[in-house]
Every structure is written in C-alpha cells, then in structure tokens.
Amino acid sequence: MKNEIIYNKLIRDRIPEIIKVDGWVSKTRVMEKDEFIKELKKKILEEAKELNEGKEHKNLIEELVDIQEIIDTILNEKKVKFSEFHKIQSKKKNERGGFKKKLFLIKTIKGLK
C-alpha cells in the first residue's frame, strides 16, 4: 500500500534529506523568484499563526527563529542590506515608538480638547 501526503508549500533546504532518512521519497521543484517571494509571505503567516497558538516558551522561540529566517531571506531576495533595513526600523521606532509601554488602544474620540 502506498502512502502519500500532499503539502504544496515552501520548505527549508534540508527537509528532503530528513524525509529520506524517515523512509519517504519527496518530490520538489525550484521556484522562480516571484513565486518564491509569494510563498515566503505565505510562510511567514503560517509561522505567525503557529507563534500565536504556541503555549510553551520553547515553541515561542522556535517560531520567532522561523520568522526571522523568512525575514532574512526576503531581505536577501529583494537585495535589501541589513544596515538599510535596520536604519528604516530605527527611523520608524523614533517616529512612532516601539512597544515598551505595552499600550493597548481602546478607542479614539474626535473633537475633544
């Protein structure tokens, strides 16, 4: 009897090796750049969902590592230097702030002075 699982998703580079060690055969293809960027964006949503659903500290760190790997890959694919990224990040933080105050916006009311 033949078992088959369909994934149709972006995977890390060594996953085919791991699949083979587990006694399975994988079928993969190399994506073009536009499709790759699209799949990276889908992957970051998948990882963010897993981050949100994770309960344990170890899971939190693992999902953050995955998200950072995706961010690094997108920056590399888009030829954005990390220094440029961090400069924009710093500028945005200076203009709009970070998240240190742990603020939660309930509502806004127009016209009060």
PDB file of N, CA and C in Angstrom:
ATOM      1  N   MET A   1       0.832  -1.171   0.000  1.00  0.00           N
ATOM      2  CA  MET A   1       0.000   0.000   0.000  1.00  0.00           C
ATOM      3  C   MET A   1       0.886   1.247   0.000  1.00  0.00           C
ATOM      4  N   LYS A   2       0.514   2.220  -0.805  1.00  0.00           N
ATOM      5  CA  LYS A   2       1.300   3.435  -0.968  1.00  0.00           C
ATOM      6  C   LYS A   2       0.675   4.571  -0.162  1.00  0.00           C
ATOM      7  N   ASN A   3       1.470   5.186   0.708  1.00  0.00           N
ATOM      8  CA  ASN A   3       1.020   6.367   1.454  1.00  0.00           C
ATOM      9  C   ASN A   3       1.517   7.603   0.727  1.00  0.00           C
ATOM     10  N   GLU A   4       0.681   8.614   0.666  1.00  0.00           N
ATOM     11  CA  GLU A   4       1.054   9.858   0.003  1.00  0.00           C
ATOM     12  C   GLU A   4       0.458  11.033   0.775  1.00  0.00           C
ATOM     13  N   ILE A   5       1.280  12.040   1.022  1.00  0.00           N
ATOM     14  CA  ILE A   5       0.825  13.255   1.677  1.00  0.00           C
ATOM     15  C   ILE A   5       1.165  14.429   0.769  1.00  0.00           C
ATOM     16  N   ILE A   6       0.176  15.239   0.436  1.00  0.00           N
ATOM     17  CA  ILE A   6       0.377  16.411  -0.410  1.00  0.00           C
ATOM     18  C   ILE A   6       0.597  17.629   0.487  1.00  0.00           C
ATOM     19  N   TYR A   7       1.654  18.366   0.245  1.00  0.00           N
ATOM     20  CA  TYR A   7       1.963  19.561   1.037  1.00  0.00           C
ATOM     21  C   TYR A   7       1.826  20.861   0.240  1.00  0.00           C
ATOM     22  N   ASN A   8       2.402  20.911  -0.943  1.00  0.00           N
ATOM     23  CA  ASN A   8       2.376  22.116  -1.777  1.00  0.00           C
ATOM     24  C   ASN A   8       2.731  23.372  -0.990  1.00  0.00           C
ATOM     25  N   LYS A   9       3.929  23.395  -0.398  1.00  0.00           N
ATOM     26  CA  LYS A   9       4.350  24.553   0.369  1.00  0.00           C
ATOM     27  C   LYS A   9       5.868  24.682   0.369  1.00  0.00           C
ATOM     28  N   LEU A  10       6.320  25.876   0.670  1.00  0.00           N
ATOM     29  CA  LEU A  10       7.739  26.170   0.807  1.00  0.00           C
ATOM     30  C   LEU A  10       8.301  25.398   1.993  1.00  0.00           C
ATOM     31  N   ILE A  11       9.483  24.823   1.801  1.00  0.00           N
ATOM     32  CA  ILE A  11      10.146  24.087   2.876  1.00  0.00           C
ATOM     33  C   ILE A  11      11.591  24.554   3.007  1.00  0.00           C
ATOM     34  N   ARG A  12      12.167  24.281   4.163  1.00  0.00           N
ATOM     35  CA  ARG A  12      13.596  24.562   4.372  1.00  0.00           C
ATOM     36  C   ARG A  12      14.437  23.604   3.521  1.00  0.00           C
ATOM     37  N   ASP A  13      15.656  24.026   3.237  1.00  0.00           N
ATOM     38  CA  ASP A  13      16.524  23.316   2.296  1.00  0.00           C
ATOM     39  C   ASP A  13      16.831  21.861   2.642  1.00  0.00           C
ATOM     40  N   ARG A  14      16.921  21.530   3.913  1.00  0.00           N
ATOM     41  CA  ARG A  14      17.321  20.168   4.288  1.00  0.00           C
ATOM     42  C   ARG A  14      16.146  19.224   4.524  1.00  0.00           C
ATOM     43  N   ILE A  15      14.933  19.712   4.352  1.00  0.00           N
ATOM     44  CA  ILE A  15      13.756  18.866   4.592  1.00  0.00           C
ATOM     45  C   ILE A  15      13.748  17.610   3.705  1.00  0.00           C
ATOM     46  N   PRO A  16      14.102  17.696   2.417  1.00  0.00           N
ATOM     47  CA  PRO A  16      14.132  16.453   1.623  1.00  0.00           C
ATOM     48  C   PRO A  16      15.069  15.385   2.197  1.00  0.00           C
ATOM     49  N   GLU A  17      16.204  15.798   2.757  1.00  0.00           N
ATOM     50  CA  GLU A  17      17.124  14.842   3.390  1.00  0.00           C
ATOM     51  C   GLU A  17      16.462  14.172   4.593  1.00  0.00           C
ATOM     52  N   ILE A  18      15.788  14.973   5.385  1.00  0.00           N
ATOM     53  CA  ILE A  18      15.115  14.464   6.590  1.00  0.00           C
ATOM     54  C   ILE A  18      13.996  13.509   6.203  1.00  0.00           C
ATOM     55  N   ILE A  19      13.259  13.849   5.160  1.00  0.00           N
ATOM     56  CA  ILE A  19      12.187  12.980   4.667  1.00  0.00           C
ATOM     57  C   ILE A  19      12.754  11.634   4.225  1.00  0.00           C
ATOM     58  N   LYS A  20      13.881  11.681   3.523  1.00  0.00           N
ATOM     59  CA  LYS A  20      14.526  10.453   3.030  1.00  0.00           C
ATOM     60  C   LYS A  20      14.970   9.559   4.192  1.00  0.00           C
ATOM     61  N   VAL A  21      15.562  10.161   5.213  1.00  0.00           N
ATOM     62  CA  VAL A  21      16.000   9.406   6.393  1.00  0.00           C
ATOM     63  C   VAL A  21      14.820   8.714   7.052  1.00  0.00           C
ATOM     64  N   ASP A  22      13.648   9.356   6.991  1.00  0.00           N
ATOM     65  CA  ASP A  22      12.436   8.785   7.578  1.00  0.00           C
ATOM     66  C   ASP A  22      11.801   7.713   6.697  1.00  0.00           C
ATOM     67  N   GLY A  23      12.440   7.399   5.553  1.00  0.00           N
ATOM     68  CA  GLY A  23      11.956   6.326   4.698  1.00  0.00           C
ATOM     69  C   GLY A  23      10.950   6.743   3.637  1.00  0.00           C
ATOM     70  N   TRP A  24      10.822   8.028   3.405  1.00  0.00           N
ATOM     71  CA  TRP A  24       9.902   8.544   2.397  1.00  0.00           C
ATOM     72  C   TRP A  24      10.684   9.069   1.198  1.00  0.00           C
ATOM     73  N   VAL A  25       9.998   9.271   0.116  1.00  0.00           N
ATOM     74  CA  VAL A  25      10.563   9.907  -1.080  1.00  0.00           C
ATOM     75  C   VAL A  25       9.816  11.223  -1.256  1.00  0.00           C
ATOM     76  N   SER A  26      10.566  12.292  -1.502  1.00  0.00           N
ATOM     77  CA  SER A  26       9.907  13.594  -1.687  1.00  0.00           C
ATOM     78  C   SER A  26      10.026  14.039  -3.144  1.00  0.00           C
ATOM     79  N   LYS A  27       9.052  14.772  -3.582  1.00  0.00           N
ATOM     80  CA  LYS A  27       9.086  15.375  -4.903  1.00  0.00           C
ATOM     81  C   LYS A  27       9.080  16.886  -4.689  1.00  0.00           C
ATOM     82  N   THR A  28      10.099  17.561  -5.212  1.00  0.00           N
ATOM     83  CA  THR A  28      10.227  19.008  -5.044  1.00  0.00           C
ATOM     84  C   THR A  28      10.502  19.656  -6.396  1.00  0.00           C
ATOM     85  N   ARG A  29      10.419  20.980  -6.420  1.00  0.00           N
ATOM     86  CA  ARG A  29      10.824  21.756  -7.591  1.00  0.00           C
ATOM     87  C   ARG A  29      11.392  23.072  -7.107  1.00  0.00           C
ATOM     88  N   VAL A  30      12.168  23.721  -7.951  1.00  0.00           N
ATOM     89  CA  VAL A  30      12.743  25.022  -7.621  1.00  0.00           C
ATOM     90  C   VAL A  30      11.815  26.102  -8.161  1.00  0.00           C
ATOM     91  N   MET A  31      11.489  27.058  -7.307  1.00  0.00           N
ATOM     92  CA  MET A  31      10.562  28.126  -7.690  1.00  0.00           C
ATOM     93  C   MET A  31      11.299  29.284  -8.358  1.00  0.00           C
ATOM     94  N   GLU A  32      10.566  29.999  -9.199  1.00  0.00           N
ATOM     95  CA  GLU A  32      11.060  31.259  -9.745  1.00  0.00           C
ATOM     96  C   GLU A  32      10.960  32.319  -8.657  1.00  0.00           C
ATOM     97  N   LYS A  33      11.670  33.437  -8.820  1.00  0.00           N
ATOM     98  CA  LYS A  33      11.764  34.463  -7.784  1.00  0.00           C
ATOM     99  C   LYS A  33      10.404  34.998  -7.336  1.00  0.00           C
ATOM    100  N   ASP A  34       9.524  35.351  -8.264  1.00  0.00           N
ATOM    101  CA  ASP A  34       8.225  35.916  -7.890  1.00  0.00           C
ATOM    102  C   ASP A  34       7.402  34.936  -7.061  1.00  0.00           C
ATOM    103  N   GLU A  35       7.384  33.685  -7.485  1.00  0.00           N
ATOM    104  CA  GLU A  35       6.646  32.672  -6.735  1.00  0.00           C
ATOM    105  C   GLU A  35       7.288  32.450  -5.365  1.00  0.00           C
ATOM    106  N   PHE A  36       8.617  32.469  -5.330  1.00  0.00           N
ATOM    107  CA  PHE A  36       9.343  32.272  -4.080  1.00  0.00           C
ATOM    108  C   PHE A  36       8.980  33.352  -3.065  1.00  0.00           C
ATOM    109  N   ILE A  37       8.951  34.618  -3.494  1.00  0.00           N
ATOM    110  CA  ILE A  37       8.580  35.718  -2.602  1.00  0.00           C
ATOM    111  C   ILE A  37       7.142  35.526  -2.108  1.00  0.00           C
ATOM    112  N   LYS A  38       6.247  35.151  -3.015  1.00  0.00           N
ATOM    113  CA  LYS A  38       4.844  34.909  -2.649  1.00  0.00           C
ATOM    114  C   LYS A  38       4.755  33.801  -1.592  1.00  0.00           C
ATOM    115  N   GLU A  39       5.499  32.729  -1.778  1.00  0.00           N
ATOM    116  CA  GLU A  39       5.482  31.609  -0.834  1.00  0.00           C
ATOM    117  C   GLU A  39       6.131  31.977   0.501  1.00  0.00           C
ATOM    118  N   LEU A  40       7.160  32.835   0.465  1.00  0.00           N
ATOM    119  CA  LEU A  40       7.760  33.312   1.713  1.00  0.00           C
ATOM    120  C   LEU A  40       6.740  34.107   2.524  1.00  0.00           C
ATOM    121  N   LYS A  41       5.948  34.935   1.836  1.00  0.00           N
ATOM    122  CA  LYS A  41       4.907  35.713   2.523  1.00  0.00           C
ATOM    123  C   LYS A  41       3.855  34.790   3.133  1.00  0.00           C
ATOM    124  N   LYS A  42       3.471  33.741   2.401  1.00  0.00           N
ATOM    125  CA  LYS A  42       2.526  32.768   2.951  1.00  0.00           C
ATOM    126  C   LYS A  42       3.133  32.052   4.155  1.00  0.00           C
ATOM    127  N   LYS A  43       4.417  31.732   4.049  1.00  0.00           N
ATOM    128  CA  LYS A  43       5.108  31.002   5.116  1.00  0.00           C
ATOM    129  C   LYS A  43       5.193  31.836   6.391  1.00  0.00           C
ATOM    130  N   ILE A  44       5.413  33.141   6.240  1.00  0.00           N
ATOM    131  CA  ILE A  44       5.509  33.984   7.435  1.00  0.00           C
ATOM    132  C   ILE A  44       4.159  34.049   8.149  1.00  0.00           C
ATOM    133  N   LEU A  45       3.064  34.007   7.391  1.00  0.00           N
ATOM    134  CA  LEU A  45       1.732  33.961   8.009  1.00  0.00           C
ATOM    135  C   LEU A  45       1.521  32.631   8.737  1.00  0.00           C
ATOM    136  N   GLU A  46       1.971  31.556   8.122  1.00  0.00           N
ATOM    137  CA  GLU A  46       1.873  30.225   8.754  1.00  0.00           C
ATOM    138  C   GLU A  46       2.655  30.204  10.068  1.00  0.00           C
ATOM    139  N   GLU A  47       3.861  30.738  10.035  1.00  0.00           N
ATOM    140  CA  GLU A  47       4.695  30.750  11.237  1.00  0.00           C
ATOM    141  C   GLU A  47       4.115  31.688  12.299  1.00  0.00           C
ATOM    142  N   ALA A  48       3.546  32.825  11.873  1.00  0.00           N
ATOM    143  CA  ALA A  48       2.924  33.751  12.825  1.00  0.00           C
ATOM    144  C   ALA A  48       1.727  33.092  13.504  1.00  0.00           C
ATOM    145  N   LYS A  49       0.971  32.319  12.741  1.00  0.00           N
ATOM    146  CA  LYS A  49      -0.169  31.592  13.319  1.00  0.00           C
ATOM    147  C   LYS A  49       0.323  30.580  14.356  1.00  0.00           C
ATOM    148  N   GLU A  50       1.386  29.856  14.026  1.00  0.00           N
ATOM    149  CA  GLU A  50       1.956  28.885  14.967  1.00  0.00           C
ATOM    150  C   GLU A  50       2.495  29.597  16.204  1.00  0.00           C
ATOM    151  N   LEU A  51       3.089  30.770  16.014  1.00  0.00           N
ATOM    152  CA  LEU A  51       3.575  31.575  17.136  1.00  0.00           C
ATOM    153  C   LEU A  51       2.414  31.950  18.044  1.00  0.00           C
ATOM    154  N   ASN A  52       1.332  32.382  17.457  1.00  0.00           N
ATOM    155  CA  ASN A  52       0.150  32.800  18.206  1.00  0.00           C
ATOM    156  C   ASN A  52      -0.486  31.639  18.978  1.00  0.00           C
ATOM    157  N   GLU A  53      -0.437  30.456  18.396  1.00  0.00           N
ATOM    158  CA  GLU A  53      -1.067  29.290  19.025  1.00  0.00           C
ATOM    159  C   GLU A  53      -0.165  28.584  20.031  1.00  0.00           C
ATOM    160  N   GLY A  54       1.147  28.853  19.967  1.00  0.00           N
ATOM    161  CA  GLY A  54       2.098  28.188  20.849  1.00  0.00           C
ATOM    162  C   GLY A  54       1.936  28.588  22.294  1.00  0.00           C
ATOM    163  N   LYS A  55       2.069  27.634  23.177  1.00  0.00           N
ATOM    164  CA  LYS A  55       1.886  27.877  24.607  1.00  0.00           C
ATOM    165  C   LYS A  55       3.218  27.856  25.373  1.00  0.00           C
ATOM    166  N   GLU A  56       4.160  27.073  24.916  1.00  0.00           N
ATOM    167  CA  GLU A  56       5.403  26.886  25.652  1.00  0.00           C
ATOM    168  C   GLU A  56       6.485  27.842  25.157  1.00  0.00           C
ATOM    169  N   HIS A  57       7.388  28.198  26.065  1.00  0.00           N
ATOM    170  CA  HIS A  57       8.495  29.111  25.765  1.00  0.00           C
ATOM    171  C   HIS A  57       9.337  28.594  24.588  1.00  0.00           C
ATOM    172  N   LYS A  58       9.611  27.301  24.578  1.00  0.00           N
ATOM    173  CA  LYS A  58      10.425  26.709  23.501  1.00  0.00           C
ATOM    174  C   LYS A  58       9.748  26.928  22.147  1.00  0.00           C
ATOM    175  N   ASN A  59       8.438  26.735  22.084  1.00  0.00           N
ATOM    176  CA  ASN A  59       7.698  26.940  20.833  1.00  0.00           C
ATOM    177  C   ASN A  59       7.782  28.391  20.390  1.00  0.00           C
ATOM    178  N   LEU A  60       7.654  29.314  21.338  1.00  0.00           N
ATOM    179  CA  LEU A  60       7.741  30.736  21.051  1.00  0.00           C
ATOM    180  C   LEU A  60       9.071  31.055  20.363  1.00  0.00           C
ATOM    181  N   ILE A  61      10.151  30.580  20.936  1.00  0.00           N
ATOM    182  CA  ILE A  61      11.486  30.841  20.391  1.00  0.00           C
ATOM    183  C   ILE A  61      11.633  30.195  19.018  1.00  0.00           C
ATOM    184  N   GLU A  62      11.189  28.959  18.875  1.00  0.00           N
ATOM    185  CA  GLU A  62      11.284  28.258  17.583  1.00  0.00           C
ATOM    186  C   GLU A  62      10.545  29.015  16.478  1.00  0.00           C
ATOM    187  N   GLU A  63       9.353  29.491  16.774  1.00  0.00           N
ATOM    188  CA  GLU A  63       8.566  30.217  15.758  1.00  0.00           C
ATOM    189  C   GLU A  63       9.201  31.565  15.437  1.00  0.00           C
ATOM    190  N   LEU A  64       9.734  32.245  16.444  1.00  0.00           N
ATOM    191  CA  LEU A  64      10.429  33.508  16.189  1.00  0.00           C
ATOM    192  C   LEU A  64      11.671  33.296  15.329  1.00  0.00           C
ATOM    193  N   VAL A  65      12.376  32.201  15.555  1.00  0.00           N
ATOM    194  CA  VAL A  65      13.539  31.857  14.730  1.00  0.00           C
ATOM    195  C   VAL A  65      13.101  31.638  13.279  1.00  0.00           C
ATOM    196  N   ASP A  66      12.005  30.912  13.088  1.00  0.00           N
ATOM    197  CA  ASP A  66      11.494  30.677  11.730  1.00  0.00           C
ATOM    198  C   ASP A  66      11.104  31.992  11.054  1.00  0.00           C
ATOM    199  N   ILE A  67      10.429  32.859  11.790  1.00  0.00           N
ATOM    200  CA  ILE A  67      10.009  34.152  11.236  1.00  0.00           C
ATOM    201  C   ILE A  67      11.227  34.990  10.867  1.00  0.00           C
ATOM    202  N   GLN A  68      12.248  34.998  11.737  1.00  0.00           N
ATOM    203  CA  GLN A  68      13.460  35.773  11.438  1.00  0.00           C
ATOM    204  C   GLN A  68      14.163  35.219  10.198  1.00  0.00           C
ATOM    205  N   GLU A  69      14.182  33.910  10.058  1.00  0.00           N
ATOM    206  CA  GLU A  69      14.799  33.285   8.868  1.00  0.00           C
ATOM    207  C   GLU A  69      14.078  33.732   7.603  1.00  0.00           C
ATOM    208  N   ILE A  70      12.760  33.791   7.652  1.00  0.00           N
ATOM    209  CA  ILE A  70      11.974  34.231   6.497  1.00  0.00           C
ATOM    210  C   ILE A  70      12.247  35.704   6.204  1.00  0.00           C
ATOM    211  N   ILE A  71      12.286  36.535   7.240  1.00  0.00           N
ATOM    212  CA  ILE A  71      12.583  37.958   7.047  1.00  0.00           C
ATOM    213  C   ILE A  71      13.955  38.121   6.403  1.00  0.00           C
ATOM    214  N   ASP A  72      14.955  37.418   6.924  1.00  0.00           N
ATOM    215  CA  ASP A  72      16.308  37.496   6.365  1.00  0.00           C
ATOM    216  C   ASP A  72      16.324  37.074   4.901  1.00  0.00           C
ATOM    217  N   THR A  73      15.574  36.030   4.576  1.00  0.00           N
ATOM    218  CA  THR A  73      15.533  35.531   3.197  1.00  0.00           C
ATOM    219  C   THR A  73      14.857  36.535   2.270  1.00  0.00           C
ATOM    220  N   ILE A  74      13.757  37.134   2.704  1.00  0.00           N
ATOM    221  CA  ILE A  74      13.073  38.141   1.884  1.00  0.00           C
ATOM    222  C   ILE A  74      13.995  39.331   1.641  1.00  0.00           C
ATOM    223  N   LEU A  75      14.659  39.805   2.686  1.00  0.00           N
ATOM    224  CA  LEU A  75      15.597  40.918   2.527  1.00  0.00           C
ATOM    225  C   LEU A  75      16.684  40.576   1.523  1.00  0.00           C
ATOM    226  N   ASN A  76      17.209  39.382   1.623  1.00  0.00           N
ATOM    227  CA  ASN A  76      18.249  38.932   0.693  1.00  0.00           C
ATOM    228  C   ASN A  76      17.721  38.853  -0.737  1.00  0.00           C
ATOM    229  N   GLU A  77      16.542  38.276  -0.913  1.00  0.00           N
ATOM    230  CA  GLU A  77      15.944  38.158  -2.250  1.00  0.00           C
ATOM    231  C   GLU A  77      15.647  39.525  -2.868  1.00  0.00           C
ATOM    232  N   LYS A  78      15.255  40.472  -2.038  1.00  0.00           N
ATOM    233  CA  LYS A  78      14.928  41.826  -2.507  1.00  0.00           C
ATOM    234  C   LYS A  78      16.162  42.724  -2.545  1.00  0.00           C
ATOM    235  N   LYS A  79      17.312  42.133  -2.214  1.00  0.00           N
ATOM    236  CA  LYS A  79      18.596  42.840  -2.216  1.00  0.00           C
ATOM    237  C   LYS A  79      18.584  44.075  -1.307  1.00  0.00           C
ATOM    238  N   VAL A  80      17.961  43.911  -0.141  1.00  0.00           N
ATOM    239  CA  VAL A  80      17.938  44.960   0.870  1.00  0.00           C
ATOM    240  C   VAL A  80      19.043  44.630   1.873  1.00  0.00           C
ATOM    241  N   LYS A  81      19.961  45.572   2.062  1.00  0.00           N
ATOM    242  CA  LYS A  81      21.040  45.368   3.023  1.00  0.00           C
ATOM    243  C   LYS A  81      20.473  45.443   4.439  1.00  0.00           C
ATOM    244  N   PHE A  82      21.030  44.616   5.322  1.00  0.00           N
ATOM    245  CA  PHE A  82      20.564  44.605   6.706  1.00  0.00           C
ATOM    246  C   PHE A  82      20.746  45.979   7.348  1.00  0.00           C
ATOM    247  N   SER A  83      21.830  46.671   6.971  1.00  0.00           N
ATOM    248  CA  SER A  83      22.060  48.013   7.523  1.00  0.00           C
ATOM    249  C   SER A  83      20.944  48.963   7.091  1.00  0.00           C
ATOM    250  N   GLU A  84      20.495  48.855   5.842  1.00  0.00           N
ATOM    251  CA  GLU A  84      19.390  49.690   5.356  1.00  0.00           C
ATOM    252  C   GLU A  84      18.098  49.338   6.096  1.00  0.00           C
ATOM    253  N   PHE A  85      17.854  48.054   6.273  1.00  0.00           N
ATOM    254  CA  PHE A  85      16.668  47.585   6.997  1.00  0.00           C
ATOM    255  C   PHE A  85      16.657  48.136   8.426  1.00  0.00           C
ATOM    256  N   HIS A  86      17.794  48.012   9.106  1.00  0.00           N
ATOM    257  CA  HIS A  86      17.870  48.473  10.489  1.00  0.00           C
ATOM    258  C   HIS A  86      17.759  49.996  10.585  1.00  0.00           C
ATOM    259  N   LYS A  87      18.252  50.700   9.578  1.00  0.00           N
ATOM    260  CA  LYS A  87      18.125  52.164   9.543  1.00  0.00           C
ATOM    261  C   LYS A  87      16.640  52.557   9.452  1.00  0.00           C
ATOM    262  N   ILE A  88      15.897  51.887   8.571  1.00  0.00           N
ATOM    263  CA  ILE A  88      14.458  52.150   8.423  1.00  0.00           C
ATOM    264  C   ILE A  88      13.720  51.759   9.700  1.00  0.00           C
ATOM    265  N   GLN A  89      14.103  50.632  10.275  1.00  0.00           N
ATOM    266  CA  GLN A  89      13.497  50.178  11.534  1.00  0.00           C
ATOM    267  C   GLN A  89      13.716  51.207  12.637  1.00  0.00           C
ATOM    268  N   SER A  90      14.925  51.714  12.749  1.00  0.00           N
ATOM    269  CA  SER A  90      15.261  52.701  13.763  1.00  0.00           C
ATOM    270  C   SER A  90      14.495  54.007  13.542  1.00  0.00           C
ATOM    271  N   LYS A  91      14.394  54.433  12.278  1.00  0.00           N
ATOM    272  CA  LYS A  91      13.661  55.654  11.937  1.00  0.00           C
ATOM    273  C   LYS A  91      12.186  55.510  12.333  1.00  0.00           C
ATOM    274  N   LYS A  92      11.593  54.390  12.006  1.00  0.00           N
ATOM    275  CA  LYS A  92      10.188  54.151  12.331  1.00  0.00           C
ATOM    276  C   LYS A  92       9.983  54.124  13.849  1.00  0.00           C
ATOM    277  N   LYS A  93      10.915  53.505  14.547  1.00  0.00           N
ATOM    278  CA  LYS A  93      10.827  53.439  16.005  1.00  0.00           C
ATOM    279  C   LYS A  93      10.930  54.836  16.609  1.00  0.00           C
ATOM    280  N   ASN A  94      11.821  55.665  16.076  1.00  0.00           N
ATOM    281  CA  ASN A  94      11.957  57.044  16.565  1.00  0.00           C
ATOM    282  C   ASN A  94      10.700  57.856  16.298  1.00  0.00           C
ATOM    283  N   GLU A  95      10.076  57.666  15.133  1.00  0.00           N
ATOM    284  CA  GLU A  95       8.889  58.426  14.751  1.00  0.00           C
ATOM    285  C   GLU A  95       7.619  57.945  15.446  1.00  0.00           C
ATOM    286  N   ARG A  96       7.451  56.629  15.561  1.00  0.00           N
ATOM    287  CA  ARG A  96       6.188  56.075  16.054  1.00  0.00           C
ATOM    288  C   ARG A  96       6.328  55.339  17.387  1.00  0.00           C
ATOM    289  N   GLY A  97       7.558  55.145  17.816  1.00  0.00           N
ATOM    290  CA  GLY A  97       7.806  54.440  19.070  1.00  0.00           C
ATOM    291  C   GLY A  97       7.918  52.943  18.868  1.00  0.00           C
ATOM    292  N   GLY A  98       8.269  52.281  19.957  1.00  0.00           N
ATOM    293  CA  GLY A  98       8.347  50.818  19.946  1.00  0.00           C
ATOM    294  C   GLY A  98       7.127  50.242  20.653  1.00  0.00           C
ATOM    295  N   PHE A  99       7.348  49.215  21.431  1.00  0.00           N
ATOM    296  CA  PHE A  99       6.252  48.566  22.157  1.00  0.00           C
ATOM    297  C   PHE A  99       6.575  48.400  23.638  1.00  0.00           C
ATOM    298  N   LYS A 100       7.552  49.142  24.139  1.00  0.00           N
ATOM    299  CA  LYS A 100       7.975  49.016  25.542  1.00  0.00           C
ATOM    300  C   LYS A 100       6.867  49.358  26.533  1.00  0.00           C
ATOM    301  N   LYS A 101       6.012  50.315  26.197  1.00  0.00           N
ATOM    302  CA  LYS A 101       4.969  50.751  27.127  1.00  0.00           C
ATOM    303  C   LYS A 101       3.774  49.791  27.183  1.00  0.00           C
ATOM    304  N   LYS A 102       3.748  48.822  26.282  1.00  0.00           N
ATOM    305  CA  LYS A 102       2.690  47.797  26.272  1.00  0.00           C
ATOM    306  C   LYS A 102       1.295  48.407  26.144  1.00  0.00           C
ATOM    307  N   LEU A 103       1.172  49.442  25.318  1.00  0.00           N
ATOM    308  CA  LEU A 103      -0.097  50.160  25.173  1.00  0.00           C
ATOM    309  C   LEU A 103      -1.107  49.378  24.340  1.00  0.00           C
ATOM    310  N   PHE A 104      -2.357  49.440  24.747  1.00  0.00           N
ATOM    311  CA  PHE A 104      -3.475  48.797  24.045  1.00  0.00           C
ATOM    312  C   PHE A 104      -4.501  49.886  23.763  1.00  0.00           C
ATOM    313  N   LEU A 105      -4.732  50.225  22.491  1.00  0.00           N
ATOM    314  CA  LEU A 105      -5.662  51.288  22.114  1.00  0.00           C
ATOM    315  C   LEU A 105      -7.097  50.776  22.184  1.00  0.00           C
ATOM    316  N   ILE A 106      -7.883  51.398  23.013  1.00  0.00           N
ATOM    317  CA  ILE A 106      -9.284  51.006  23.169  1.00  0.00           C
ATOM    318  C   ILE A 106     -10.148  51.713  22.131  1.00  0.00           C
ATOM    319  N   LYS A 107     -10.022  53.046  22.057  1.00  0.00           N
ATOM    320  CA  LYS A 107     -10.798  53.798  21.071  1.00  0.00           C
ATOM    321  C   LYS A 107     -10.221  55.198  20.937  1.00  0.00           C
ATOM    322  N   THR A 108     -10.692  55.925  19.952  1.00  0.00           N
ATOM    323  CA  THR A 108     -10.369  57.334  19.798  1.00  0.00           C
ATOM    324  C   THR A 108     -11.666  58.117  19.706  1.00  0.00           C
ATOM    325  N   ILE A 109     -11.616  59.360  20.145  1.00  0.00           N
ATOM    326  CA  ILE A 109     -12.793  60.230  20.095  1.00  0.00           C
ATOM    327  C   ILE A 109     -12.362  61.536  19.451  1.00  0.00           C
ATOM    328  N   LYS A 110     -13.058  61.943  18.405  1.00  0.00           N
ATOM    329  CA  LYS A 110     -12.704  63.170  17.702  1.00  0.00           C
ATOM    330  C   LYS A 110     -13.456  64.357  18.308  1.00  0.00           C
ATOM    331  N   GLY A 111     -12.739  65.479  18.374  1.00  0.00           N
ATOM    332  CA  GLY A 111     -13.385  66.713  18.769  1.00  0.00           C
ATOM    333  C   GLY A 111     -13.216  67.114  20.210  1.00  0.00           C
ATOM    334  N   LEU A 112     -12.611  66.294  21.037  1.00  0.00           N
ATOM    335  CA  LEU A 112     -12.383  66.664  22.431  1.00  0.00           C
ATOM    336  C   LEU A 112     -11.062  67.410  22.555  1.00  0.00           C
ATOM    337  N   LYS A 113     -11.052  68.449  23.364  1.00  0.00           N
ATOM    338  CA  LYS A 113      -9.810  69.188  23.597  1.00  0.00           C
ATOM    339  C   LYS A 113      -9.544  69.319  25.063  1.00  0.00           C
TER     340      LYS A 113
END
